[in-house]
Every structure is written in C-alpha cells, then in structure tokens.
Amino acid sequence: MGTREMRIEVIDDATAAQFRRLSPAQRIEAANVLMIQMGEMLERELARRYPEWGTEKLRSEWRRRMCGRAE
C-alpha cells in the first residue's frame, strides 16, 4: 500500500487576524457554518463516488465520518 502525503492547511495572517477579532459567539457561528458546509460537501462526494449506495448507506457513512464512530 502506498503512502499518503500529509498536508496541513494554514490560513494566512490576514485571515487569522480577522478570526481573532470575532467575539466568542461569532467564532461559534463561523465554526457551525463551516461544519454545515463540510457535511454538505461530504454528502455530495459520497453520492458521486458511490452511486450504487442507497440513501440509508449514504446517511450511515456520512454519520460515521462526521461523528467519527462506526455503526
């Protein structure tokens, strides 16, 4: 089995400064929006990669990946 390249994304200084200026409530809201967007992208990608999976299998895999637990 081949090795996977590890890649860590780092935000630029200007973006980091913008996040530092947010209130705690605004940071939670921003994290919430990002989680929703990530879940939607994952859902679309799973459906694209595995068109043969039914709705329940897609939902199960989505939950496993988003929650980090096996079902």
C-alpha atoms as a PDB file:
ATOM      1  CA  MET A   1       0.000   0.000   0.000  1.00  0.00           C
ATOM      2  CA  GLY A   2       1.351   3.448  -0.940  1.00  0.00           C
ATOM      3  CA  THR A   3       1.918   6.244   1.471  1.00  0.00           C
ATOM      4  CA  ARG A   4      -0.353   9.257   1.617  1.00  0.00           C
ATOM      5  CA  GLU A   5       1.093  12.721   1.592  1.00  0.00           C
ATOM      6  CA  MET A   6       0.233  14.597   4.764  1.00  0.00           C
ATOM      7  CA  ARG A   7      -0.882  18.138   4.029  1.00  0.00           C
ATOM      8  CA  ILE A   8      -1.835  20.628   6.687  1.00  0.00           C
ATOM      9  CA  GLU A   9      -3.570  23.780   5.524  1.00  0.00           C
ATOM     10  CA  VAL A  10      -2.543  27.001   7.225  1.00  0.00           C
ATOM     11  CA  ILE A  11      -4.523  30.214   6.963  1.00  0.00           C
ATOM     12  CA  ASP A  12      -2.740  33.430   6.111  1.00  0.00           C
ATOM     13  CA  ASP A  13      -2.020  36.101   8.697  1.00  0.00           C
ATOM     14  CA  ALA A  14      -4.788  38.443   7.497  1.00  0.00           C
ATOM     15  CA  THR A  15      -7.437  35.723   7.805  1.00  0.00           C
ATOM     16  CA  ALA A  16      -6.142  34.713  11.234  1.00  0.00           C
ATOM     17  CA  ALA A  17      -6.344  38.354  12.348  1.00  0.00           C
ATOM     18  CA  GLN A  18      -9.970  38.533  11.194  1.00  0.00           C
ATOM     19  CA  PHE A  19     -10.849  35.445  13.245  1.00  0.00           C
ATOM     20  CA  ARG A  20      -9.112  36.889  16.313  1.00  0.00           C
ATOM     21  CA  ARG A  21     -11.380  39.952  16.127  1.00  0.00           C
ATOM     22  CA  LEU A  22     -14.540  37.824  16.304  1.00  0.00           C
ATOM     23  CA  SER A  23     -16.453  37.513  19.537  1.00  0.00           C
ATOM     24  CA  PRO A  24     -16.797  34.024  21.029  1.00  0.00           C
ATOM     25  CA  ALA A  25     -20.379  33.831  19.720  1.00  0.00           C
ATOM     26  CA  GLN A  26     -19.229  34.828  16.230  1.00  0.00           C
ATOM     27  CA  ARG A  27     -16.492  32.178  16.306  1.00  0.00           C
ATOM     28  CA  ILE A  28     -19.052  29.511  17.225  1.00  0.00           C
ATOM     29  CA  GLU A  29     -21.316  30.678  14.389  1.00  0.00           C
ATOM     30  CA  ALA A  30     -18.415  30.591  11.912  1.00  0.00           C
ATOM     31  CA  ALA A  31     -17.495  27.059  13.044  1.00  0.00           C
ATOM     32  CA  ASN A  32     -21.123  25.991  12.709  1.00  0.00           C
ATOM     33  CA  VAL A  33     -21.325  27.328   9.141  1.00  0.00           C
ATOM     34  CA  LEU A  34     -18.099  25.525   8.236  1.00  0.00           C
ATOM     35  CA  MET A  35     -19.363  22.239   9.697  1.00  0.00           C
ATOM     36  CA  ILE A  36     -22.611  22.512   7.732  1.00  0.00           C
ATOM     37  CA  GLN A  37     -20.706  23.242   4.519  1.00  0.00           C
ATOM     38  CA  MET A  38     -18.326  20.346   5.168  1.00  0.00           C
ATOM     39  CA  GLY A  39     -21.240  17.984   5.744  1.00  0.00           C
ATOM     40  CA  GLU A  40     -22.908  19.077   2.513  1.00  0.00           C
ATOM     41  CA  MET A  41     -19.685  18.616   0.536  1.00  0.00           C
ATOM     42  CA  LEU A  42     -19.145  15.174   2.067  1.00  0.00           C
ATOM     43  CA  GLU A  43     -22.701  14.150   1.225  1.00  0.00           C
ATOM     44  CA  ARG A  44     -22.257  15.197  -2.423  1.00  0.00           C
ATOM     45  CA  GLU A  45     -18.875  13.476  -2.704  1.00  0.00           C
ATOM     46  CA  LEU A  46     -20.128  10.196  -1.229  1.00  0.00           C
ATOM     47  CA  ALA A  47     -23.104  10.205  -3.617  1.00  0.00           C
ATOM     48  CA  ARG A  48     -20.769  10.901  -6.543  1.00  0.00           C
ATOM     49  CA  ARG A  49     -18.254   8.189  -5.606  1.00  0.00           C
ATOM     50  CA  TYR A  50     -20.813   5.539  -4.667  1.00  0.00           C
ATOM     51  CA  PRO A  51     -23.880   5.981  -6.867  1.00  0.00           C
ATOM     52  CA  GLU A  52     -24.916   2.387  -6.138  1.00  0.00           C
ATOM     53  CA  TRP A  53     -25.392   3.099  -2.426  1.00  0.00           C
ATOM     54  CA  GLY A  54     -28.916   3.731  -1.241  1.00  0.00           C
ATOM     55  CA  THR A  55     -29.990   6.598   0.966  1.00  0.00           C
ATOM     56  CA  GLU A  56     -29.549   4.670   4.216  1.00  0.00           C
ATOM     57  CA  LYS A  57     -25.992   3.549   3.349  1.00  0.00           C
ATOM     58  CA  LEU A  58     -25.053   7.112   2.362  1.00  0.00           C
ATOM     59  CA  ARG A  59     -26.517   8.506   5.609  1.00  0.00           C
ATOM     60  CA  SER A  60     -24.776   5.851   7.668  1.00  0.00           C
ATOM     61  CA  GLU A  61     -21.397   6.576   6.080  1.00  0.00           C
ATOM     62  CA  TRP A  62     -21.949  10.326   6.391  1.00  0.00           C
ATOM     63  CA  ARG A  63     -22.692   9.949  10.113  1.00  0.00           C
ATOM     64  CA  ARG A  64     -19.672   7.693  10.621  1.00  0.00           C
ATOM     65  CA  ARG A  65     -17.330  10.177   9.007  1.00  0.00           C
ATOM     66  CA  MET A  66     -18.836  13.299  10.569  1.00  0.00           C
ATOM     67  CA  CYS A  67     -19.099  11.814  14.070  1.00  0.00           C
ATOM     68  CA  GLY A  68     -16.023   9.606  13.985  1.00  0.00           C
ATOM     69  CA  ARG A  69     -17.771   6.421  15.029  1.00  0.00           C
ATOM     70  CA  ALA A  70     -18.542   3.139  13.360  1.00  0.00           C
ATOM     71  CA  GLU A  71     -22.108   1.905  13.089  1.00  0.00           C
END
